[in-house]
Amino acid sequence: MLRDRGLMKYRPVAFMPEQIASIKQMYKEQDDVKMPELDEQHLEKLDQTICNCMEFNLEATVTFYKKARYEITKGTIHYMNEYSKYIRVVDSFDQWTQIELKNIIDIRIN
């Protein structure tokens, strides 16, 4: 008969929950991205692209910054509010996404 220690050999891991939590947090923060600084020319180009997409009802791919990550949405730019500074993008499933203008990184016309 084999006299193994069973689960006792894995017991020390359970005594360090703080270390396990910090390692998980470290892996999560490893993928974080900083918000890029955009120059005036790029902002002017974004504004012009938004106006063209709204005027001609063109489909565009919008890359924006959200919670330390880059996100991409694809659809038509339906509405732009200059006072609250956001745009609404409607995708092919008629679901809209509201994006703040300060978080937009790039817009490409498809």
PDB file of N, CA and C in Angstrom:
ATOM      1  N   MET A   1       0.839  -1.171   0.000  1.00  0.00           N
ATOM      2  CA  MET A   1       0.000   0.000   0.000  1.00  0.00           C
ATOM      3  C   MET A   1       0.888   1.239   0.000  1.00  0.00           C
ATOM      4  N   LEU A   2       0.549   2.207  -0.865  1.00  0.00           N
ATOM      5  CA  LEU A   2       1.304   3.438  -1.010  1.00  0.00           C
ATOM      6  C   LEU A   2       0.857   4.421   0.058  1.00  0.00           C
ATOM      7  N   ARG A   3       1.796   4.956   0.816  1.00  0.00           N
ATOM      8  CA  ARG A   3       1.446   5.897   1.888  1.00  0.00           C
ATOM      9  C   ARG A   3       1.823   7.309   1.434  1.00  0.00           C
ATOM     10  N   ASP A   4       0.966   7.878   0.587  1.00  0.00           N
ATOM     11  CA  ASP A   4       1.174   9.214   0.035  1.00  0.00           C
ATOM     12  C   ASP A   4       0.615  10.245   1.006  1.00  0.00           C
ATOM     13  N   ARG A   5       1.137  11.452   0.966  1.00  0.00           N
ATOM     14  CA  ARG A   5       0.633  12.517   1.842  1.00  0.00           C
ATOM     15  C   ARG A   5      -0.687  13.086   1.345  1.00  0.00           C
ATOM     16  N   GLY A   6      -1.107  12.770   0.135  1.00  0.00           N
ATOM     17  CA  GLY A   6      -2.385  13.230  -0.398  1.00  0.00           C
ATOM     18  C   GLY A   6      -2.371  14.729  -0.673  1.00  0.00           C
ATOM     19  N   LEU A   7      -3.382  15.427  -0.201  1.00  0.00           N
ATOM     20  CA  LEU A   7      -3.506  16.862  -0.446  1.00  0.00           C
ATOM     21  C   LEU A   7      -2.608  17.703   0.458  1.00  0.00           C
ATOM     22  N   MET A   8      -1.963  17.116   1.416  1.00  0.00           N
ATOM     23  CA  MET A   8      -1.110  17.895   2.327  1.00  0.00           C
ATOM     24  C   MET A   8       0.049  18.570   1.591  1.00  0.00           C
ATOM     25  N   LYS A   9       0.510  17.972   0.504  1.00  0.00           N
ATOM     26  CA  LYS A   9       1.633  18.567  -0.214  1.00  0.00           C
ATOM     27  C   LYS A   9       1.256  19.866  -0.922  1.00  0.00           C
ATOM     28  N   TYR A  10      -0.038  20.086  -1.153  1.00  0.00           N
ATOM     29  CA  TYR A  10      -0.492  21.328  -1.774  1.00  0.00           C
ATOM     30  C   TYR A  10      -0.982  22.335  -0.752  1.00  0.00           C
ATOM     31  N   ARG A  11      -0.902  22.034   0.498  1.00  0.00           N
ATOM     32  CA  ARG A  11      -1.429  22.873   1.578  1.00  0.00           C
ATOM     33  C   ARG A  11      -0.733  24.234   1.711  1.00  0.00           C
ATOM     34  N   PRO A  12       0.586  24.385   1.561  1.00  0.00           N
ATOM     35  CA  PRO A  12       1.233  25.686   1.758  1.00  0.00           C
ATOM     36  C   PRO A  12       0.712  26.784   0.830  1.00  0.00           C
ATOM     37  N   VAL A  13       0.203  26.451  -0.332  1.00  0.00           N
ATOM     38  CA  VAL A  13      -0.307  27.454  -1.247  1.00  0.00           C
ATOM     39  C   VAL A  13      -1.510  28.167  -0.644  1.00  0.00           C
ATOM     40  N   ALA A  14      -2.308  27.470   0.132  1.00  0.00           N
ATOM     41  CA  ALA A  14      -3.513  28.055   0.724  1.00  0.00           C
ATOM     42  C   ALA A  14      -3.187  29.047   1.838  1.00  0.00           C
ATOM     43  N   PHE A  15      -1.964  29.063   2.343  1.00  0.00           N
ATOM     44  CA  PHE A  15      -1.607  29.974   3.430  1.00  0.00           C
ATOM     45  C   PHE A  15      -1.199  31.355   2.939  1.00  0.00           C
ATOM     46  N   MET A  16      -1.097  31.555   1.628  1.00  0.00           N
ATOM     47  CA  MET A  16      -0.638  32.821   1.088  1.00  0.00           C
ATOM     48  C   MET A  16      -1.656  33.441   0.122  1.00  0.00           C
ATOM     49  N   PRO A  17      -2.844  33.785   0.567  1.00  0.00           N
ATOM     50  CA  PRO A  17      -3.822  34.370  -0.365  1.00  0.00           C
ATOM     51  C   PRO A  17      -3.419  35.764  -0.844  1.00  0.00           C
ATOM     52  N   GLU A  18      -2.664  36.507  -0.021  1.00  0.00           N
ATOM     53  CA  GLU A  18      -2.217  37.832  -0.444  1.00  0.00           C
ATOM     54  C   GLU A  18      -1.246  37.731  -1.617  1.00  0.00           C
ATOM     55  N   GLN A  19      -0.376  36.739  -1.557  1.00  0.00           N
ATOM     56  CA  GLN A  19       0.582  36.567  -2.637  1.00  0.00           C
ATOM     57  C   GLN A  19      -0.124  36.140  -3.924  1.00  0.00           C
ATOM     58  N   ILE A  20      -1.088  35.263  -3.826  1.00  0.00           N
ATOM     59  CA  ILE A  20      -1.840  34.816  -4.997  1.00  0.00           C
ATOM     60  C   ILE A  20      -2.594  35.991  -5.613  1.00  0.00           C
ATOM     61  N   ALA A  21      -3.221  36.829  -4.775  1.00  0.00           N
ATOM     62  CA  ALA A  21      -3.952  37.994  -5.270  1.00  0.00           C
ATOM     63  C   ALA A  21      -3.015  38.992  -5.940  1.00  0.00           C
ATOM     64  N   SER A  22      -1.834  39.198  -5.369  1.00  0.00           N
ATOM     65  CA  SER A  22      -0.893  40.154  -5.970  1.00  0.00           C
ATOM     66  C   SER A  22      -0.340  39.637  -7.298  1.00  0.00           C
ATOM     67  N   ILE A  23      -0.143  38.325  -7.422  1.00  0.00           N
ATOM     68  CA  ILE A  23       0.327  37.763  -8.686  1.00  0.00           C
ATOM     69  C   ILE A  23      -0.743  37.905  -9.764  1.00  0.00           C
ATOM     70  N   LYS A  24      -2.003  37.655  -9.417  1.00  0.00           N
ATOM     71  CA  LYS A  24      -3.102  37.837 -10.372  1.00  0.00           C
ATOM     72  C   LYS A  24      -3.209  39.287 -10.805  1.00  0.00           C
ATOM     73  N   GLN A  25      -3.048  40.231  -9.870  1.00  0.00           N
ATOM     74  CA  GLN A  25      -3.108  41.654 -10.181  1.00  0.00           C
ATOM     75  C   GLN A  25      -1.947  42.057 -11.092  1.00  0.00           C
ATOM     76  N   MET A  26      -0.769  41.481 -10.850  1.00  0.00           N
ATOM     77  CA  MET A  26       0.398  41.779 -11.666  1.00  0.00           C
ATOM     78  C   MET A  26       0.177  41.325 -13.117  1.00  0.00           C
ATOM     79  N   TYR A  27      -0.369  40.125 -13.294  1.00  0.00           N
ATOM     80  CA  TYR A  27      -0.652  39.642 -14.651  1.00  0.00           C
ATOM     81  C   TYR A  27      -1.715  40.494 -15.332  1.00  0.00           C
ATOM     82  N   LYS A  28      -2.694  40.960 -14.585  1.00  0.00           N
ATOM     83  CA  LYS A  28      -3.740  41.800 -15.144  1.00  0.00           C
ATOM     84  C   LYS A  28      -3.189  43.161 -15.575  1.00  0.00           C
ATOM     85  N   GLU A  29      -2.328  43.770 -14.774  1.00  0.00           N
ATOM     86  CA  GLU A  29      -1.752  45.078 -15.072  1.00  0.00           C
ATOM     87  C   GLU A  29      -0.685  45.006 -16.164  1.00  0.00           C
ATOM     88  N   GLN A  30      -0.192  43.822 -16.454  1.00  0.00           N
ATOM     89  CA  GLN A  30       0.855  43.675 -17.452  1.00  0.00           C
ATOM     90  C   GLN A  30       0.358  44.062 -18.846  1.00  0.00           C
ATOM     91  N   ASP A  31      -0.934  43.885 -19.109  1.00  0.00           N
ATOM     92  CA  ASP A  31      -1.494  44.191 -20.418  1.00  0.00           C
ATOM     93  C   ASP A  31      -2.028  45.615 -20.532  1.00  0.00           C
ATOM     94  N   ASP A  32      -1.974  46.394 -19.461  1.00  0.00           N
ATOM     95  CA  ASP A  32      -2.493  47.758 -19.497  1.00  0.00           C
ATOM     96  C   ASP A  32      -1.683  48.635 -20.452  1.00  0.00           C
ATOM     97  N   VAL A  33      -2.395  49.566 -21.098  1.00  0.00           N
ATOM     98  CA  VAL A  33      -1.778  50.465 -22.073  1.00  0.00           C
ATOM     99  C   VAL A  33      -2.058  51.896 -21.635  1.00  0.00           C
ATOM    100  N   LYS A  34      -1.083  52.769 -21.793  1.00  0.00           N
ATOM    101  CA  LYS A  34      -1.286  54.178 -21.462  1.00  0.00           C
ATOM    102  C   LYS A  34      -1.996  54.899 -22.598  1.00  0.00           C
ATOM    103  N   MET A  35      -2.753  55.921 -22.237  1.00  0.00           N
ATOM    104  CA  MET A  35      -3.460  56.734 -23.230  1.00  0.00           C
ATOM    105  C   MET A  35      -2.435  57.517 -24.044  1.00  0.00           C
ATOM    106  N   PRO A  36      -2.454  57.395 -25.370  1.00  0.00           N
ATOM    107  CA  PRO A  36      -1.467  58.118 -26.184  1.00  0.00           C
ATOM    108  C   PRO A  36      -1.806  59.602 -26.291  1.00  0.00           C
ATOM    109  N   GLU A  37      -0.779  60.410 -26.464  1.00  0.00           N
ATOM    110  CA  GLU A  37      -0.954  61.844 -26.675  1.00  0.00           C
ATOM    111  C   GLU A  37      -1.125  62.088 -28.172  1.00  0.00           C
ATOM    112  N   LEU A  38      -2.203  62.754 -28.554  1.00  0.00           N
ATOM    113  CA  LEU A  38      -2.468  63.033 -29.965  1.00  0.00           C
ATOM    114  C   LEU A  38      -2.145  64.487 -30.275  1.00  0.00           C
ATOM    115  N   ASP A  39      -1.500  64.722 -31.410  1.00  0.00           N
ATOM    116  CA  ASP A  39      -1.156  66.083 -31.798  1.00  0.00           C
ATOM    117  C   ASP A  39      -2.345  66.746 -32.511  1.00  0.00           C
ATOM    118  N   GLU A  40      -2.197  68.014 -32.794  1.00  0.00           N
ATOM    119  CA  GLU A  40      -3.293  68.795 -33.387  1.00  0.00           C
ATOM    120  C   GLU A  40      -3.672  68.315 -34.780  1.00  0.00           C
ATOM    121  N   GLN A  41      -2.702  67.931 -35.564  1.00  0.00           N
ATOM    122  CA  GLN A  41      -2.987  67.452 -36.917  1.00  0.00           C
ATOM    123  C   GLN A  41      -3.834  66.179 -36.889  1.00  0.00           C
ATOM    124  N   HIS A  42      -3.497  65.294 -35.985  1.00  0.00           N
ATOM    125  CA  HIS A  42      -4.251  64.048 -35.878  1.00  0.00           C
ATOM    126  C   HIS A  42      -5.684  64.330 -35.411  1.00  0.00           C
ATOM    127  N   LEU A  43      -5.847  65.241 -34.455  1.00  0.00           N
ATOM    128  CA  LEU A  43      -7.184  65.597 -33.976  1.00  0.00           C
ATOM    129  C   LEU A  43      -8.012  66.245 -35.083  1.00  0.00           C
ATOM    130  N   GLU A  44      -7.362  67.075 -35.898  1.00  0.00           N
ATOM    131  CA  GLU A  44      -8.059  67.699 -37.029  1.00  0.00           C
ATOM    132  C   GLU A  44      -8.494  66.649 -38.048  1.00  0.00           C
ATOM    133  N   LYS A  45      -7.634  65.676 -38.303  1.00  0.00           N
ATOM    134  CA  LYS A  45      -7.968  64.597 -39.227  1.00  0.00           C
ATOM    135  C   LYS A  45      -9.137  63.770 -38.692  1.00  0.00           C
ATOM    136  N   LEU A  46      -9.145  63.496 -37.385  1.00  0.00           N
ATOM    137  CA  LEU A  46     -10.256  62.751 -36.777  1.00  0.00           C
ATOM    138  C   LEU A  46     -11.567  63.515 -36.928  1.00  0.00           C
ATOM    139  N   ASP A  47     -11.522  64.814 -36.695  1.00  0.00           N
ATOM    140  CA  ASP A  47     -12.718  65.642 -36.821  1.00  0.00           C
ATOM    141  C   ASP A  47     -13.244  65.634 -38.252  1.00  0.00           C
ATOM    142  N   GLN A  48     -12.344  65.739 -39.203  1.00  0.00           N
ATOM    143  CA  GLN A  48     -12.733  65.725 -40.610  1.00  0.00           C
ATOM    144  C   GLN A  48     -13.320  64.368 -41.008  1.00  0.00           C
ATOM    145  N   THR A  49     -12.735  63.290 -40.508  1.00  0.00           N
ATOM    146  CA  THR A  49     -13.237  61.953 -40.806  1.00  0.00           C
ATOM    147  C   THR A  49     -14.619  61.737 -40.208  1.00  0.00           C
ATOM    148  N   ILE A  50     -14.843  62.236 -38.997  1.00  0.00           N
ATOM    149  CA  ILE A  50     -16.159  62.126 -38.363  1.00  0.00           C
ATOM    150  C   ILE A  50     -17.203  62.861 -39.189  1.00  0.00           C
ATOM    151  N   CYS A  51     -16.876  64.063 -39.633  1.00  0.00           N
ATOM    152  CA  CYS A  51     -17.818  64.846 -40.442  1.00  0.00           C
ATOM    153  C   CYS A  51     -18.132  64.146 -41.764  1.00  0.00           C
ATOM    154  N   ASN A  52     -17.118  63.579 -42.416  1.00  0.00           N
ATOM    155  CA  ASN A  52     -17.340  62.860 -43.681  1.00  0.00           C
ATOM    156  C   ASN A  52     -18.211  61.626 -43.469  1.00  0.00           C
ATOM    157  N   CYS A  53     -17.961  60.892 -42.402  1.00  0.00           N
ATOM    158  CA  CYS A  53     -18.751  59.690 -42.124  1.00  0.00           C
ATOM    159  C   CYS A  53     -20.207  60.034 -41.844  1.00  0.00           C
ATOM    160  N   MET A  54     -20.436  61.122 -41.132  1.00  0.00           N
ATOM    161  CA  MET A  54     -21.806  61.523 -40.828  1.00  0.00           C
ATOM    162  C   MET A  54     -22.513  62.034 -42.079  1.00  0.00           C
ATOM    163  N   GLU A  55     -21.807  62.805 -42.895  1.00  0.00           N
ATOM    164  CA  GLU A  55     -22.434  63.409 -44.075  1.00  0.00           C
ATOM    165  C   GLU A  55     -22.818  62.372 -45.126  1.00  0.00           C
ATOM    166  N   PHE A  56     -21.914  61.425 -45.405  1.00  0.00           N
ATOM    167  CA  PHE A  56     -22.140  60.456 -46.465  1.00  0.00           C
ATOM    168  C   PHE A  56     -22.596  59.093 -45.950  1.00  0.00           C
ATOM    169  N   ASN A  57     -22.840  58.986 -44.643  1.00  0.00           N
ATOM    170  CA  ASN A  57     -23.308  57.742 -44.004  1.00  0.00           C
ATOM    171  C   ASN A  57     -22.362  56.579 -44.314  1.00  0.00           C
ATOM    172  N   LEU A  58     -21.062  56.805 -44.105  1.00  0.00           N
ATOM    173  CA  LEU A  58     -20.045  55.800 -44.375  1.00  0.00           C
ATOM    174  C   LEU A  58     -19.806  54.934 -43.156  1.00  0.00           C
ATOM    175  N   GLU A  59     -19.432  53.690 -43.390  1.00  0.00           N
ATOM    176  CA  GLU A  59     -19.089  52.790 -42.294  1.00  0.00           C
ATOM    177  C   GLU A  59     -17.625  53.013 -41.918  1.00  0.00           C
ATOM    178  N   ALA A  60     -17.354  53.061 -40.626  1.00  0.00           N
ATOM    179  CA  ALA A  60     -16.002  53.332 -40.149  1.00  0.00           C
ATOM    180  C   ALA A  60     -15.640  52.392 -39.012  1.00  0.00           C
ATOM    181  N   THR A  61     -14.353  52.238 -38.804  1.00  0.00           N
ATOM    182  CA  THR A  61     -13.827  51.483 -37.680  1.00  0.00           C
ATOM    183  C   THR A  61     -13.221  52.487 -36.699  1.00  0.00           C
ATOM    184  N   VAL A  62     -13.741  52.514 -35.487  1.00  0.00           N
ATOM    185  CA  VAL A  62     -13.310  53.479 -34.483  1.00  0.00           C
ATOM    186  C   VAL A  62     -12.495  52.747 -33.414  1.00  0.00           C
ATOM    187  N   THR A  63     -11.271  53.200 -33.205  1.00  0.00           N
ATOM    188  CA  THR A  63     -10.424  52.679 -32.143  1.00  0.00           C
ATOM    189  C   THR A  63     -10.429  53.696 -31.009  1.00  0.00           C
ATOM    190  N   PHE A  64     -10.758  53.237 -29.800  1.00  0.00           N
ATOM    191  CA  PHE A  64     -10.828  54.151 -28.668  1.00  0.00           C
ATOM    192  C   PHE A  64     -10.250  53.507 -27.418  1.00  0.00           C
ATOM    193  N   TYR A  65      -9.966  54.352 -26.437  1.00  0.00           N
ATOM    194  CA  TYR A  65      -9.329  53.950 -25.195  1.00  0.00           C
ATOM    195  C   TYR A  65     -10.396  53.801 -24.116  1.00  0.00           C
ATOM    196  N   LYS A  66     -10.420  52.642 -23.450  1.00  0.00           N
ATOM    197  CA  LYS A  66     -11.399  52.419 -22.394  1.00  0.00           C
ATOM    198  C   LYS A  66     -10.801  51.506 -21.324  1.00  0.00           C
ATOM    199  N   LYS A  67     -10.702  52.015 -20.118  1.00  0.00           N
ATOM    200  CA  LYS A  67     -10.224  51.244 -18.961  1.00  0.00           C
ATOM    201  C   LYS A  67      -8.866  50.581 -19.213  1.00  0.00           C
ATOM    202  N   ALA A  68      -7.893  51.379 -19.615  1.00  0.00           N
ATOM    203  CA  ALA A  68      -6.501  50.948 -19.819  1.00  0.00           C
ATOM    204  C   ALA A  68      -6.350  49.933 -20.937  1.00  0.00           C
ATOM    205  N   ARG A  69      -7.286  49.918 -21.875  1.00  0.00           N
ATOM    206  CA  ARG A  69      -7.230  49.018 -23.020  1.00  0.00           C
ATOM    207  C   ARG A  69      -7.689  49.753 -24.280  1.00  0.00           C
ATOM    208  N   TYR A  70      -7.311  49.239 -25.428  1.00  0.00           N
ATOM    209  CA  TYR A  70      -7.829  49.733 -26.700  1.00  0.00           C
ATOM    210  C   TYR A  70      -9.028  48.868 -27.079  1.00  0.00           C
ATOM    211  N   GLU A  71     -10.091  49.511 -27.520  1.00  0.00           N
ATOM    212  CA  GLU A  71     -11.257  48.783 -27.997  1.00  0.00           C
ATOM    213  C   GLU A  71     -11.591  49.264 -29.397  1.00  0.00           C
ATOM    214  N   ILE A  72     -12.194  48.393 -30.178  1.00  0.00           N
ATOM    215  CA  ILE A  72     -12.532  48.702 -31.562  1.00  0.00           C
ATOM    216  C   ILE A  72     -14.011  48.435 -31.775  1.00  0.00           C
ATOM    217  N   THR A  73     -14.674  49.375 -32.427  1.00  0.00           N
ATOM    218  CA  THR A  73     -16.062  49.172 -32.825  1.00  0.00           C
ATOM    219  C   THR A  73     -16.204  49.571 -34.278  1.00  0.00           C
ATOM    220  N   LYS A  74     -17.109  48.897 -34.968  1.00  0.00           N
ATOM    221  CA  LYS A  74     -17.275  49.112 -36.400  1.00  0.00           C
ATOM    222  C   LYS A  74     -18.737  49.439 -36.667  1.00  0.00           C
ATOM    223  N   GLY A  75     -18.980  50.512 -37.394  1.00  0.00           N
ATOM    224  CA  GLY A  75     -20.340  50.896 -37.725  1.00  0.00           C
ATOM    225  C   GLY A  75     -20.381  52.294 -38.322  1.00  0.00           C
ATOM    226  N   THR A  76     -21.595  52.857 -38.387  1.00  0.00           N
ATOM    227  CA  THR A  76     -21.756  54.209 -38.912  1.00  0.00           C
ATOM    228  C   THR A  76     -21.845  55.196 -37.755  1.00  0.00           C
ATOM    229  N   ILE A  77     -21.272  56.366 -37.948  1.00  0.00           N
ATOM    230  CA  ILE A  77     -21.340  57.409 -36.921  1.00  0.00           C
ATOM    231  C   ILE A  77     -22.679  58.110 -37.092  1.00  0.00           C
ATOM    232  N   HIS A  78     -23.539  57.903 -36.123  1.00  0.00           N
ATOM    233  CA  HIS A  78     -24.922  58.356 -36.215  1.00  0.00           C
ATOM    234  C   HIS A  78     -25.105  59.785 -35.720  1.00  0.00           C
ATOM    235  N   TYR A  79     -24.379  60.158 -34.650  1.00  0.00           N
ATOM    236  CA  TYR A  79     -24.648  61.427 -33.984  1.00  0.00           C
ATOM    237  C   TYR A  79     -23.380  61.915 -33.302  1.00  0.00           C
ATOM    238  N   MET A  80     -23.195  63.233 -33.312  1.00  0.00           N
ATOM    239  CA  MET A  80     -22.060  63.848 -32.609  1.00  0.00           C
ATOM    240  C   MET A  80     -22.589  65.016 -31.793  1.00  0.00           C
ATOM    241  N   ASN A  81     -22.343  64.984 -30.500  1.00  0.00           N
ATOM    242  CA  ASN A  81     -22.751  66.058 -29.614  1.00  0.00           C
ATOM    243  C   ASN A  81     -21.518  66.894 -29.290  1.00  0.00           C
ATOM    244  N   GLU A  82     -21.492  68.127 -29.766  1.00  0.00           N
ATOM    245  CA  GLU A  82     -20.315  68.980 -29.577  1.00  0.00           C
ATOM    246  C   GLU A  82     -20.222  69.542 -28.162  1.00  0.00           C
ATOM    247  N   TYR A  83     -21.345  69.648 -27.479  1.00  0.00           N
ATOM    248  CA  TYR A  83     -21.329  70.219 -26.125  1.00  0.00           C
ATOM    249  C   TYR A  83     -20.913  69.190 -25.087  1.00  0.00           C
ATOM    250  N   SER A  84     -21.473  68.000 -25.185  1.00  0.00           N
ATOM    251  CA  SER A  84     -21.090  66.934 -24.257  1.00  0.00           C
ATOM    252  C   SER A  84     -19.869  66.169 -24.742  1.00  0.00           C
ATOM    253  N   LYS A  85     -19.454  66.415 -25.978  1.00  0.00           N
ATOM    254  CA  LYS A  85     -18.240  65.864 -26.575  1.00  0.00           C
ATOM    255  C   LYS A  85     -18.240  64.336 -26.617  1.00  0.00           C
ATOM    256  N   TYR A  86     -19.215  63.792 -27.365  1.00  0.00           N
ATOM    257  CA  TYR A  86     -19.240  62.361 -27.609  1.00  0.00           C
ATOM    258  C   TYR A  86     -19.862  62.086 -28.976  1.00  0.00           C
ATOM    259  N   ILE A  87     -19.612  60.874 -29.464  1.00  0.00           N
ATOM    260  CA  ILE A  87     -20.249  60.421 -30.702  1.00  0.00           C
ATOM    261  C   ILE A  87     -20.984  59.116 -30.408  1.00  0.00           C
ATOM    262  N   ARG A  88     -21.969  58.831 -31.262  1.00  0.00           N
ATOM    263  CA  ARG A  88     -22.671  57.551 -31.183  1.00  0.00           C
ATOM    264  C   ARG A  88     -22.385  56.777 -32.452  1.00  0.00           C
ATOM    265  N   VAL A  89     -21.947  55.542 -32.278  1.00  0.00           N
ATOM    266  CA  VAL A  89     -21.651  54.658 -33.394  1.00  0.00           C
ATOM    267  C   VAL A  89     -22.685  53.539 -33.389  1.00  0.00           C
ATOM    268  N   VAL A  90     -23.380  53.369 -34.513  1.00  0.00           N
ATOM    269  CA  VAL A  90     -24.385  52.319 -34.643  1.00  0.00           C
ATOM    270  C   VAL A  90     -23.792  51.186 -35.469  1.00  0.00           C
ATOM    271  N   ASP A  91     -23.778  49.962 -34.899  1.00  0.00           N
ATOM    272  CA  ASP A  91     -23.205  48.826 -35.626  1.00  0.00           C
ATOM    273  C   ASP A  91     -24.249  48.148 -36.502  1.00  0.00           C
ATOM    274  N   SER A  92     -23.899  47.035 -37.110  1.00  0.00           N
ATOM    275  CA  SER A  92     -24.787  46.352 -38.051  1.00  0.00           C
ATOM    276  C   SER A  92     -25.988  45.699 -37.373  1.00  0.00           C
ATOM    277  N   PHE A  93     -25.940  45.536 -36.049  1.00  0.00           N
ATOM    278  CA  PHE A  93     -27.057  44.950 -35.304  1.00  0.00           C
ATOM    279  C   PHE A  93     -27.953  46.018 -34.684  1.00  0.00           C
ATOM    280  N   ASP A  94     -27.799  47.271 -35.117  1.00  0.00           N
ATOM    281  CA  ASP A  94     -28.547  48.423 -34.604  1.00  0.00           C
ATOM    282  C   ASP A  94     -28.321  48.659 -33.112  1.00  0.00           C
ATOM    283  N   GLN A  95     -27.169  48.271 -32.616  1.00  0.00           N
ATOM    284  CA  GLN A  95     -26.751  48.576 -31.246  1.00  0.00           C
ATOM    285  C   GLN A  95     -25.816  49.775 -31.320  1.00  0.00           C
ATOM    286  N   TRP A  96     -26.022  50.762 -30.436  1.00  0.00           N
ATOM    287  CA  TRP A  96     -25.161  51.936 -30.509  1.00  0.00           C
ATOM    288  C   TRP A  96     -24.224  51.980 -29.320  1.00  0.00           C
ATOM    289  N   THR A  97     -23.059  52.558 -29.591  1.00  0.00           N
ATOM    290  CA  THR A  97     -22.015  52.739 -28.586  1.00  0.00           C
ATOM    291  C   THR A  97     -21.717  54.220 -28.495  1.00  0.00           C
ATOM    292  N   GLN A  98     -21.688  54.722 -27.267  1.00  0.00           N
ATOM    293  CA  GLN A  98     -21.378  56.136 -27.042  1.00  0.00           C
ATOM    294  C   GLN A  98     -19.907  56.247 -26.644  1.00  0.00           C
ATOM    295  N   ILE A  99     -19.156  57.050 -27.389  1.00  0.00           N
ATOM    296  CA  ILE A  99     -17.716  57.181 -27.174  1.00  0.00           C
ATOM    297  C   ILE A  99     -17.378  58.652 -26.973  1.00  0.00           C
ATOM    298  N   GLU A 100     -16.629  58.954 -25.925  1.00  0.00           N
ATOM    299  CA  GLU A 100     -16.186  60.328 -25.698  1.00  0.00           C
ATOM    300  C   GLU A 100     -15.107  60.688 -26.719  1.00  0.00           C
ATOM    301  N   LEU A 101     -15.140  61.940 -27.159  1.00  0.00           N
ATOM    302  CA  LEU A 101     -14.188  62.382 -28.182  1.00  0.00           C
ATOM    303  C   LEU A 101     -12.749  62.355 -27.682  1.00  0.00           C
ATOM    304  N   LYS A 102     -12.545  62.598 -26.394  1.00  0.00           N
ATOM    305  CA  LYS A 102     -11.177  62.621 -25.869  1.00  0.00           C
ATOM    306  C   LYS A 102     -10.552  61.228 -25.833  1.00  0.00           C
ATOM    307  N   ASN A 103     -11.380  60.151 -25.906  1.00  0.00           N
ATOM    308  CA  ASN A 103     -10.872  58.794 -25.860  1.00  0.00           C
ATOM    309  C   ASN A 103     -10.641  58.174 -27.233  1.00  0.00           C
ATOM    310  N   ILE A 104     -11.041  58.867 -28.280  1.00  0.00           N
ATOM    311  CA  ILE A 104     -10.885  58.326 -29.637  1.00  0.00           C
ATOM    312  C   ILE A 104      -9.418  58.424 -30.057  1.00  0.00           C
ATOM    313  N   ILE A 105      -8.892  57.327 -30.544  1.00  0.00           N
ATOM    314  CA  ILE A 105      -7.508  57.280 -30.972  1.00  0.00           C
ATOM    315  C   ILE A 105      -7.412  57.331 -32.496  1.00  0.00           C
ATOM    316  N   ASP A 106      -8.281  56.572 -33.180  1.00  0.00           N
ATOM    317  CA  ASP A 106      -8.204  56.525 -34.627  1.00  0.00           C
ATOM    318  C   ASP A 106      -9.572  56.180 -35.214  1.00  0.00           C
ATOM    319  N   ILE A 107      -9.849  56.719 -36.401  1.00  0.00           N
ATOM    320  CA  ILE A 107     -11.060  56.393 -37.146  1.00  0.00           C
ATOM    321  C   ILE A 107     -10.644  56.121 -38.583  1.00  0.00           C
ATOM    322  N   ARG A 108     -11.059  54.963 -39.084  1.00  0.00           N
ATOM    323  CA  ARG A 108     -10.739  54.582 -40.457  1.00  0.00           C
ATOM    324  C   ARG A 108     -12.022  54.276 -41.202  1.00  0.00           C
ATOM    325  N   ILE A 109     -12.154  54.837 -42.393  1.00  0.00           N
ATOM    326  CA  ILE A 109     -13.329  54.597 -43.221  1.00  0.00           C
ATOM    327  C   ILE A 109     -13.132  53.272 -43.945  1.00  0.00           C
ATOM    328  N   ASN A 110     -14.148  52.415 -43.885  1.00  0.00           N
ATOM    329  CA  ASN A 110     -14.059  51.094 -44.536  1.00  0.00           C
ATOM    330  C   ASN A 110     -14.396  51.184 -46.003  1.00  0.00           C
TER     331      ASN A 110
END
